[in-house]
Amino acid sequence: MLRVVPFEVGHLERLELRAADRLGFAARGGREGLWALARLYRASGPCWTILDGGAVAACGGVGVQPGATGNAWALTSPLVEARPVAMARLARRCVEAAESGLGLTRIQTTIHVRHTARAEWFEFLGFTREGLLRRLVGDDDYHLYARVR
């Protein structure tokens, strides 16, 4: 049974990151960097965790910036691959709720150029690729995606 609960930084202890998610955090200080980033995410806007039974399947949220803009983030486990459509539908409802509840006109995210599955996930959530951010983290390039009202 899938359900959405408020995100807690401690959920990361129970989240087995997929390889694509681990790659993005290797350049940010590994696991320690991930914990610091999760605390920042938690303080910056609405966040949620998707549970599959008692297991943490995914965590995500929208960090709010001045000017009605949000930055979307997501960390996923291999559990999302078992029910990708159901997981994506739940995530889309969370993004839509953050968007309307906060009056956001733009939500954006960056996706490593090799993360095709993550790009497909965010496209399902209503995001469109806007451009290429060269050497955004270390020597790695990322695509900029946005959902604009």
C-alpha atoms as a PDB file:
ATOM      1  CA  MET A   1       0.000   0.000   0.000  1.00  0.00           C
ATOM      2  CA  LEU A   2       1.408   3.373  -1.025  1.00  0.00           C
ATOM      3  CA  ARG A   3       0.938   6.415   1.152  1.00  0.00           C
ATOM      4  CA  VAL A   4       2.372   9.894   1.506  1.00  0.00           C
ATOM      5  CA  VAL A   5       3.642  11.168   4.868  1.00  0.00           C
ATOM      6  CA  PRO A   6       5.493  14.341   5.846  1.00  0.00           C
ATOM      7  CA  PHE A   7       9.232  14.075   5.136  1.00  0.00           C
ATOM      8  CA  GLU A   8      11.619  13.656   8.044  1.00  0.00           C
ATOM      9  CA  VAL A   9      15.391  13.751   7.598  1.00  0.00           C
ATOM     10  CA  GLY A  10      15.503  10.384   9.398  1.00  0.00           C
ATOM     11  CA  HIS A  11      13.658   8.789   6.477  1.00  0.00           C
ATOM     12  CA  LEU A  12      16.963   8.875   4.616  1.00  0.00           C
ATOM     13  CA  GLU A  13      18.302   6.185   6.957  1.00  0.00           C
ATOM     14  CA  ARG A  14      15.688   3.836   5.484  1.00  0.00           C
ATOM     15  CA  LEU A  15      16.036   4.987   1.861  1.00  0.00           C
ATOM     16  CA  GLU A  16      18.181   2.860  -0.439  1.00  0.00           C
ATOM     17  CA  LEU A  17      19.155   5.288  -3.185  1.00  0.00           C
ATOM     18  CA  ARG A  18      19.045   4.176  -6.802  1.00  0.00           C
ATOM     19  CA  ALA A  19      22.326   4.461  -8.687  1.00  0.00           C
ATOM     20  CA  ALA A  20      21.134   7.558 -10.564  1.00  0.00           C
ATOM     21  CA  ASP A  21      20.410   9.321  -7.270  1.00  0.00           C
ATOM     22  CA  ARG A  22      23.758   8.307  -5.748  1.00  0.00           C
ATOM     23  CA  LEU A  23      25.632   9.743  -8.733  1.00  0.00           C
ATOM     24  CA  GLY A  24      24.246  13.211  -8.144  1.00  0.00           C
ATOM     25  CA  PHE A  25      25.392  13.245  -4.531  1.00  0.00           C
ATOM     26  CA  ALA A  26      28.895  11.869  -5.021  1.00  0.00           C
ATOM     27  CA  ALA A  27      30.067  15.333  -6.057  1.00  0.00           C
ATOM     28  CA  ARG A  28      28.272  16.950  -3.119  1.00  0.00           C
ATOM     29  CA  GLY A  29      30.148  15.207  -0.326  1.00  0.00           C
ATOM     30  CA  GLY A  30      28.578  11.739  -0.432  1.00  0.00           C
ATOM     31  CA  ARG A  31      26.270  10.656   2.383  1.00  0.00           C
ATOM     32  CA  GLU A  32      27.301  13.517   4.707  1.00  0.00           C
ATOM     33  CA  GLY A  33      26.503  16.008   1.958  1.00  0.00           C
ATOM     34  CA  LEU A  34      23.169  14.284   1.420  1.00  0.00           C
ATOM     35  CA  TRP A  35      22.238  14.666   5.100  1.00  0.00           C
ATOM     36  CA  ALA A  36      23.155  18.358   5.058  1.00  0.00           C
ATOM     37  CA  LEU A  37      21.181  18.867   1.861  1.00  0.00           C
ATOM     38  CA  ALA A  38      18.159  17.042   3.324  1.00  0.00           C
ATOM     39  CA  ARG A  39      18.157  19.352   6.356  1.00  0.00           C
ATOM     40  CA  LEU A  40      18.291  22.339   4.003  1.00  0.00           C
ATOM     41  CA  TYR A  41      15.452  20.900   1.900  1.00  0.00           C
ATOM     42  CA  ARG A  42      13.331  20.274   4.997  1.00  0.00           C
ATOM     43  CA  ALA A  43      13.722  23.880   6.127  1.00  0.00           C
ATOM     44  CA  SER A  44      13.046  25.418   2.704  1.00  0.00           C
ATOM     45  CA  GLY A  45       9.540  24.245   1.840  1.00  0.00           C
ATOM     46  CA  PRO A  46       6.994  21.423   1.763  1.00  0.00           C
ATOM     47  CA  CYS A  47       8.473  17.918   1.659  1.00  0.00           C
ATOM     48  CA  TRP A  48       7.018  14.444   1.651  1.00  0.00           C
ATOM     49  CA  THR A  49       7.940  10.774   1.758  1.00  0.00           C
ATOM     50  CA  ILE A  50       6.219   8.022  -0.194  1.00  0.00           C
ATOM     51  CA  LEU A  51       6.012   4.788   1.767  1.00  0.00           C
ATOM     52  CA  ASP A  52       5.420   1.374   0.204  1.00  0.00           C
ATOM     53  CA  GLY A  53       4.152  -0.574   3.167  1.00  0.00           C
ATOM     54  CA  GLY A  54       6.693   0.408   5.818  1.00  0.00           C
ATOM     55  CA  ALA A  55       9.566   0.930   3.375  1.00  0.00           C
ATOM     56  CA  VAL A  56      10.689   4.365   2.194  1.00  0.00           C
ATOM     57  CA  ALA A  57      10.269   4.394  -1.588  1.00  0.00           C
ATOM     58  CA  ALA A  58      10.944   8.067  -2.323  1.00  0.00           C
ATOM     59  CA  CYS A  59      11.372  11.454  -0.697  1.00  0.00           C
ATOM     60  CA  GLY A  60      10.819  14.801  -2.369  1.00  0.00           C
ATOM     61  CA  GLY A  61       9.725  18.351  -2.000  1.00  0.00           C
ATOM     62  CA  VAL A  62       9.774  21.898  -3.255  1.00  0.00           C
ATOM     63  CA  GLY A  63      12.166  24.458  -1.800  1.00  0.00           C
ATOM     64  CA  VAL A  64      10.679  27.930  -2.026  1.00  0.00           C
ATOM     65  CA  GLN A  65      12.632  30.918  -3.357  1.00  0.00           C
ATOM     66  CA  PRO A  66      11.576  34.566  -3.402  1.00  0.00           C
ATOM     67  CA  GLY A  67       9.572  35.486  -6.484  1.00  0.00           C
ATOM     68  CA  ALA A  68       7.037  32.615  -6.546  1.00  0.00           C
ATOM     69  CA  THR A  69       9.650  30.071  -7.681  1.00  0.00           C
ATOM     70  CA  GLY A  70      10.286  26.646  -6.217  1.00  0.00           C
ATOM     71  CA  ASN A  71      13.086  24.118  -6.623  1.00  0.00           C
ATOM     72  CA  ALA A  72      11.875  20.523  -6.844  1.00  0.00           C
ATOM     73  CA  TRP A  73      13.970  17.655  -5.509  1.00  0.00           C
ATOM     74  CA  ALA A  74      13.474  13.903  -5.308  1.00  0.00           C
ATOM     75  CA  LEU A  75      15.398  10.944  -3.942  1.00  0.00           C
ATOM     76  CA  THR A  76      14.191   7.529  -5.034  1.00  0.00           C
ATOM     77  CA  SER A  77      14.783   3.897  -4.191  1.00  0.00           C
ATOM     78  CA  PRO A  78      14.489   0.842  -6.441  1.00  0.00           C
ATOM     79  CA  LEU A  79      10.953   0.441  -5.046  1.00  0.00           C
ATOM     80  CA  VAL A  80       9.712   3.094  -7.489  1.00  0.00           C
ATOM     81  CA  GLU A  81      10.543   0.731 -10.342  1.00  0.00           C
ATOM     82  CA  ALA A  82       8.000  -1.806  -9.091  1.00  0.00           C
ATOM     83  CA  ARG A  83       5.101   0.683  -9.403  1.00  0.00           C
ATOM     84  CA  PRO A  84       6.379   3.621 -11.435  1.00  0.00           C
ATOM     85  CA  VAL A  85       3.013   4.991 -12.559  1.00  0.00           C
ATOM     86  CA  ALA A  86       1.440   4.910  -9.091  1.00  0.00           C
ATOM     87  CA  MET A  87       4.550   6.499  -7.561  1.00  0.00           C
ATOM     88  CA  ALA A  88       4.664   9.216 -10.221  1.00  0.00           C
ATOM     89  CA  ARG A  89       0.958   9.981  -9.766  1.00  0.00           C
ATOM     90  CA  LEU A  90       1.459  10.444  -6.028  1.00  0.00           C
ATOM     91  CA  ALA A  91       4.487  12.667  -6.641  1.00  0.00           C
ATOM     92  CA  ARG A  92       2.570  14.730  -9.206  1.00  0.00           C
ATOM     93  CA  ARG A  93      -0.247  15.330  -6.702  1.00  0.00           C
ATOM     94  CA  CYS A  94       2.336  16.486  -4.140  1.00  0.00           C
ATOM     95  CA  VAL A  95       3.953  18.888  -6.623  1.00  0.00           C
ATOM     96  CA  GLU A  96       0.544  20.238  -7.671  1.00  0.00           C
ATOM     97  CA  ALA A  97      -0.446  20.764  -4.032  1.00  0.00           C
ATOM     98  CA  ALA A  98       2.796  22.640  -3.327  1.00  0.00           C
ATOM     99  CA  GLU A  99       2.348  24.718  -6.480  1.00  0.00           C
ATOM    100  CA  SER A 100      -1.229  25.773  -5.737  1.00  0.00           C
ATOM    101  CA  GLY A 101      -0.848  25.980  -1.960  1.00  0.00           C
ATOM    102  CA  LEU A 102       2.164  28.290  -2.181  1.00  0.00           C
ATOM    103  CA  GLY A 103       1.024  30.219  -5.268  1.00  0.00           C
ATOM    104  CA  LEU A 104       4.136  29.218  -7.202  1.00  0.00           C
ATOM    105  CA  THR A 105       4.334  30.243 -10.843  1.00  0.00           C
ATOM    106  CA  ARG A 106       7.509  28.251 -11.542  1.00  0.00           C
ATOM    107  CA  ILE A 107       9.001  25.066 -10.141  1.00  0.00           C
ATOM    108  CA  GLN A 108      12.376  24.013 -11.507  1.00  0.00           C
ATOM    109  CA  THR A 109      14.871  21.206 -11.070  1.00  0.00           C
ATOM    110  CA  THR A 110      18.175  20.054 -12.497  1.00  0.00           C
ATOM    111  CA  ILE A 111      18.762  16.560 -13.847  1.00  0.00           C
ATOM    112  CA  HIS A 112      22.137  15.023 -14.652  1.00  0.00           C
ATOM    113  CA  VAL A 113      22.441  14.557 -18.421  1.00  0.00           C
ATOM    114  CA  ARG A 114      22.783  10.774 -18.005  1.00  0.00           C
ATOM    115  CA  HIS A 115      19.664  10.378 -15.839  1.00  0.00           C
ATOM    116  CA  THR A 116      17.129   9.557 -18.546  1.00  0.00           C
ATOM    117  CA  ALA A 117      14.766   7.794 -16.124  1.00  0.00           C
ATOM    118  CA  ARG A 118      14.732  10.851 -13.830  1.00  0.00           C
ATOM    119  CA  ALA A 119      14.050  13.095 -16.845  1.00  0.00           C
ATOM    120  CA  GLU A 120      11.080  10.902 -17.805  1.00  0.00           C
ATOM    121  CA  TRP A 121       9.823  11.018 -14.195  1.00  0.00           C
ATOM    122  CA  PHE A 122       9.891  14.832 -14.082  1.00  0.00           C
ATOM    123  CA  GLU A 123       8.344  15.088 -17.549  1.00  0.00           C
ATOM    124  CA  PHE A 124       5.442  12.981 -16.247  1.00  0.00           C
ATOM    125  CA  LEU A 125       5.181  15.484 -13.383  1.00  0.00           C
ATOM    126  CA  GLY A 126       4.658  18.254 -15.948  1.00  0.00           C
ATOM    127  CA  PHE A 127       8.199  19.598 -16.282  1.00  0.00           C
ATOM    128  CA  THR A 128       9.753  20.627 -19.618  1.00  0.00           C
ATOM    129  CA  ARG A 129      13.455  20.722 -20.432  1.00  0.00           C
ATOM    130  CA  GLU A 130      14.610  24.326 -20.852  1.00  0.00           C
ATOM    131  CA  GLY A 131      18.353  24.134 -21.306  1.00  0.00           C
ATOM    132  CA  LEU A 132      21.780  22.730 -20.527  1.00  0.00           C
ATOM    133  CA  LEU A 133      23.780  23.816 -17.481  1.00  0.00           C
ATOM    134  CA  ARG A 134      27.388  23.013 -18.287  1.00  0.00           C
ATOM    135  CA  ARG A 135      29.700  21.960 -15.433  1.00  0.00           C
ATOM    136  CA  LEU A 136      27.031  22.699 -12.824  1.00  0.00           C
ATOM    137  CA  VAL A 137      28.505  20.263 -10.285  1.00  0.00           C
ATOM    138  CA  GLY A 138      32.185  19.534 -10.784  1.00  0.00           C
ATOM    139  CA  ASP A 139      32.664  18.609 -14.431  1.00  0.00           C
ATOM    140  CA  ASP A 140      29.118  17.239 -14.791  1.00  0.00           C
ATOM    141  CA  ASP A 141      26.459  18.777 -17.015  1.00  0.00           C
ATOM    142  CA  TYR A 142      22.801  18.987 -16.020  1.00  0.00           C
ATOM    143  CA  HIS A 143      19.588  19.802 -17.837  1.00  0.00           C
ATOM    144  CA  LEU A 144      17.322  22.487 -16.417  1.00  0.00           C
ATOM    145  CA  TYR A 145      13.663  21.458 -16.260  1.00  0.00           C
ATOM    146  CA  ALA A 146      10.742  23.664 -15.241  1.00  0.00           C
ATOM    147  CA  ARG A 147       7.023  23.517 -14.679  1.00  0.00           C
ATOM    148  CA  VAL A 148       5.553  26.961 -15.369  1.00  0.00           C
ATOM    149  CA  ARG A 149       2.002  28.209 -14.808  1.00  0.00           C
END
